[in-house]
Every structure is written in C-alpha cells, then in structure tokens.
Amino acid sequence: MTKADIVASIAKKTGLDKAQIQVVAEIFMDEIETSLASGENVYLRGFGSFILKKRAEKVARNISKKTTIVIPEHNIPAFKPSKAFSAKIK
C-alpha cells in the first residue's frame, strides 16, 4: 500500500477531500521526522513507537581497494509495533 492508497482510503471512509488528507499526512510524517531528528522518540498508543536505535562504532573493509574504514557510532530510525498491533498481525 502506498501513501496515495492510504490517502484515497481515508478520503473514502471520511468523505473529506483528498488534498486536505494529503496535507495532513505530509505534516504528520514531517512531525515524526522532526522529532526523531531532534532525538525524541514518537509513541503512538495502540499502534507503535518510532524510536532511535544506536549503532556502535565498527570497522568495515573495502575489499576492492583492500582498505579499512571506521564507521562512527550513529543513530538509525526504527519502528516497534505495540502488542495490540502485533497481535492483529499474527
């Protein structure tokens, strides 16, 4: 399912204009991005959490150039579904 499919589905169920729903969906995603970029996790009760996971520093090899590089510690975004959400999927 794409973002356009989600917008169309919400528009059909609510009777609202697709353009309005598109704007709300974009703002919602921007808020999640902004929160994660500032180091804050986003918790949506009954759905799940958008969290930052810390990746440790590690040494990687470039096999073709026969060199090693150090990849510094960094954060990556992740999604952790709620128990209720996981139960519906199983």
C-alpha atoms as a PDB file:
ATOM      1  CA  MET A   1       0.000   0.000   0.000  1.00  0.00           C
ATOM      2  CA  THR A   2       1.384   3.393  -0.974  1.00  0.00           C
ATOM      3  CA  LYS A   3       0.848   6.801   0.592  1.00  0.00           C
ATOM      4  CA  ALA A   4      -1.573   7.632  -2.240  1.00  0.00           C
ATOM      5  CA  ASP A   5      -3.562   4.479  -1.457  1.00  0.00           C
ATOM      6  CA  ILE A   6      -3.750   5.433   2.215  1.00  0.00           C
ATOM      7  CA  VAL A   7      -4.915   8.963   1.351  1.00  0.00           C
ATOM      8  CA  ALA A   8      -7.572   7.586  -1.023  1.00  0.00           C
ATOM      9  CA  SER A   9      -8.783   5.100   1.598  1.00  0.00           C
ATOM     10  CA  ILE A  10      -9.068   7.770   4.303  1.00  0.00           C
ATOM     11  CA  ALA A  11     -10.865  10.102   1.875  1.00  0.00           C
ATOM     12  CA  LYS A  12     -13.357   7.360   1.014  1.00  0.00           C
ATOM     13  CA  LYS A  13     -14.018   6.487   4.676  1.00  0.00           C
ATOM     14  CA  THR A  14     -14.311  10.078   5.931  1.00  0.00           C
ATOM     15  CA  GLY A  15     -15.765  11.882   2.932  1.00  0.00           C
ATOM     16  CA  LEU A  16     -13.062  14.554   3.177  1.00  0.00           C
ATOM     17  CA  ASP A  17     -11.128  15.972   0.240  1.00  0.00           C
ATOM     18  CA  LYS A  18      -8.024  14.023  -0.822  1.00  0.00           C
ATOM     19  CA  ALA A  19      -5.973  17.224  -0.975  1.00  0.00           C
ATOM     20  CA  GLN A  20      -6.708  18.006   2.680  1.00  0.00           C
ATOM     21  CA  ILE A  21      -5.835  14.489   3.775  1.00  0.00           C
ATOM     22  CA  GLN A  22      -2.630  14.619   1.720  1.00  0.00           C
ATOM     23  CA  VAL A  23      -1.574  17.790   3.569  1.00  0.00           C
ATOM     24  CA  VAL A  24      -2.355  16.253   6.968  1.00  0.00           C
ATOM     25  CA  ALA A  25      -0.439  13.063   6.086  1.00  0.00           C
ATOM     26  CA  GLU A  26       2.598  15.079   4.965  1.00  0.00           C
ATOM     27  CA  ILE A  27       2.561  17.188   8.142  1.00  0.00           C
ATOM     28  CA  PHE A  28       2.194  14.034  10.276  1.00  0.00           C
ATOM     29  CA  MET A  29       5.246  12.442   8.645  1.00  0.00           C
ATOM     30  CA  ASP A  30       7.224  15.693   8.905  1.00  0.00           C
ATOM     31  CA  GLU A  31       6.484  15.869  12.639  1.00  0.00           C
ATOM     32  CA  ILE A  32       7.749  12.321  13.117  1.00  0.00           C
ATOM     33  CA  GLU A  33      10.915  13.135  11.152  1.00  0.00           C
ATOM     34  CA  THR A  34      11.481  16.340  13.112  1.00  0.00           C
ATOM     35  CA  SER A  35      11.030  14.593  16.452  1.00  0.00           C
ATOM     36  CA  LEU A  36      13.432  11.794  15.558  1.00  0.00           C
ATOM     37  CA  ALA A  37      15.975  14.265  14.145  1.00  0.00           C
ATOM     38  CA  SER A  38      15.931  16.141  17.468  1.00  0.00           C
ATOM     39  CA  GLY A  39      16.482  12.893  19.386  1.00  0.00           C
ATOM     40  CA  GLU A  40      12.909  12.376  20.629  1.00  0.00           C
ATOM     41  CA  ASN A  41      11.034   9.096  20.195  1.00  0.00           C
ATOM     42  CA  VAL A  42       7.423   9.152  18.970  1.00  0.00           C
ATOM     43  CA  TYR A  43       4.901   6.991  20.851  1.00  0.00           C
ATOM     44  CA  LEU A  44       1.510   6.228  19.290  1.00  0.00           C
ATOM     45  CA  ARG A  45      -0.552   4.294  21.853  1.00  0.00           C
ATOM     46  CA  GLY A  46      -2.105   1.151  20.430  1.00  0.00           C
ATOM     47  CA  PHE A  47      -0.056   1.391  17.218  1.00  0.00           C
ATOM     48  CA  GLY A  48       3.647   1.503  17.992  1.00  0.00           C
ATOM     49  CA  SER A  49       6.709   3.644  18.529  1.00  0.00           C
ATOM     50  CA  PHE A  50       9.142   5.315  16.180  1.00  0.00           C
ATOM     51  CA  ILE A  51      12.438   5.102  18.028  1.00  0.00           C
ATOM     52  CA  LEU A  52      16.119   5.812  17.511  1.00  0.00           C
ATOM     53  CA  LYS A  53      18.484   2.877  17.774  1.00  0.00           C
ATOM     54  CA  LYS A  54      22.153   3.494  18.409  1.00  0.00           C
ATOM     55  CA  ARG A  55      24.624   1.645  16.191  1.00  0.00           C
ATOM     56  CA  ALA A  56      28.059   1.164  17.710  1.00  0.00           C
ATOM     57  CA  GLU A  57      31.261   2.207  16.003  1.00  0.00           C
ATOM     58  CA  LYS A  58      32.704  -0.533  13.818  1.00  0.00           C
ATOM     59  CA  VAL A  59      35.491  -1.250  11.385  1.00  0.00           C
ATOM     60  CA  ALA A  60      34.497  -2.073   7.808  1.00  0.00           C
ATOM     61  CA  ARG A  61      36.562  -3.309   4.889  1.00  0.00           C
ATOM     62  CA  ASN A  62      36.532  -2.178   1.286  1.00  0.00           C
ATOM     63  CA  ILE A  63      37.505  -5.434  -0.398  1.00  0.00           C
ATOM     64  CA  SER A  64      38.148  -3.978  -3.852  1.00  0.00           C
ATOM     65  CA  LYS A  65      40.602  -1.315  -2.539  1.00  0.00           C
ATOM     66  CA  LYS A  66      41.889  -3.511   0.304  1.00  0.00           C
ATOM     67  CA  THR A  67      41.399  -0.751   2.856  1.00  0.00           C
ATOM     68  CA  THR A  68      39.601  -0.488   6.159  1.00  0.00           C
ATOM     69  CA  ILE A  69      37.462   2.378   7.358  1.00  0.00           C
ATOM     70  CA  VAL A  70      35.920   3.216  10.694  1.00  0.00           C
ATOM     71  CA  ILE A  71      32.172   3.742  10.651  1.00  0.00           C
ATOM     72  CA  PRO A  72      31.381   6.046  13.586  1.00  0.00           C
ATOM     73  CA  GLU A  73      28.612   5.483  16.125  1.00  0.00           C
ATOM     74  CA  HIS A  74      25.305   6.694  14.717  1.00  0.00           C
ATOM     75  CA  ASN A  75      21.534   6.536  15.229  1.00  0.00           C
ATOM     76  CA  ILE A  76      19.054   4.886  12.900  1.00  0.00           C
ATOM     77  CA  PRO A  77      15.255   5.199  12.958  1.00  0.00           C
ATOM     78  CA  ALA A  78      13.225   2.087  13.740  1.00  0.00           C
ATOM     79  CA  PHE A  79       9.600   1.141  14.294  1.00  0.00           C
ATOM     80  CA  LYS A  80       8.495  -1.007  17.211  1.00  0.00           C
ATOM     81  CA  PRO A  81       4.867  -2.181  16.932  1.00  0.00           C
ATOM     82  CA  SER A  82       2.640  -2.236  20.008  1.00  0.00           C
ATOM     83  CA  LYS A  83       1.476  -5.531  21.492  1.00  0.00           C
ATOM     84  CA  ALA A  84      -2.073  -4.930  20.205  1.00  0.00           C
ATOM     85  CA  PHE A  85      -0.769  -4.208  16.689  1.00  0.00           C
ATOM     86  CA  SER A  86       1.453  -7.311  16.744  1.00  0.00           C
ATOM     87  CA  ALA A  87      -1.464  -9.443  17.930  1.00  0.00           C
ATOM     88  CA  LYS A  88      -3.614  -8.317  14.973  1.00  0.00           C
ATOM     89  CA  ILE A  89      -0.865  -9.233  12.502  1.00  0.00           C
ATOM     90  CA  LYS A  90      -0.334 -12.717  13.949  1.00  0.00           C
END
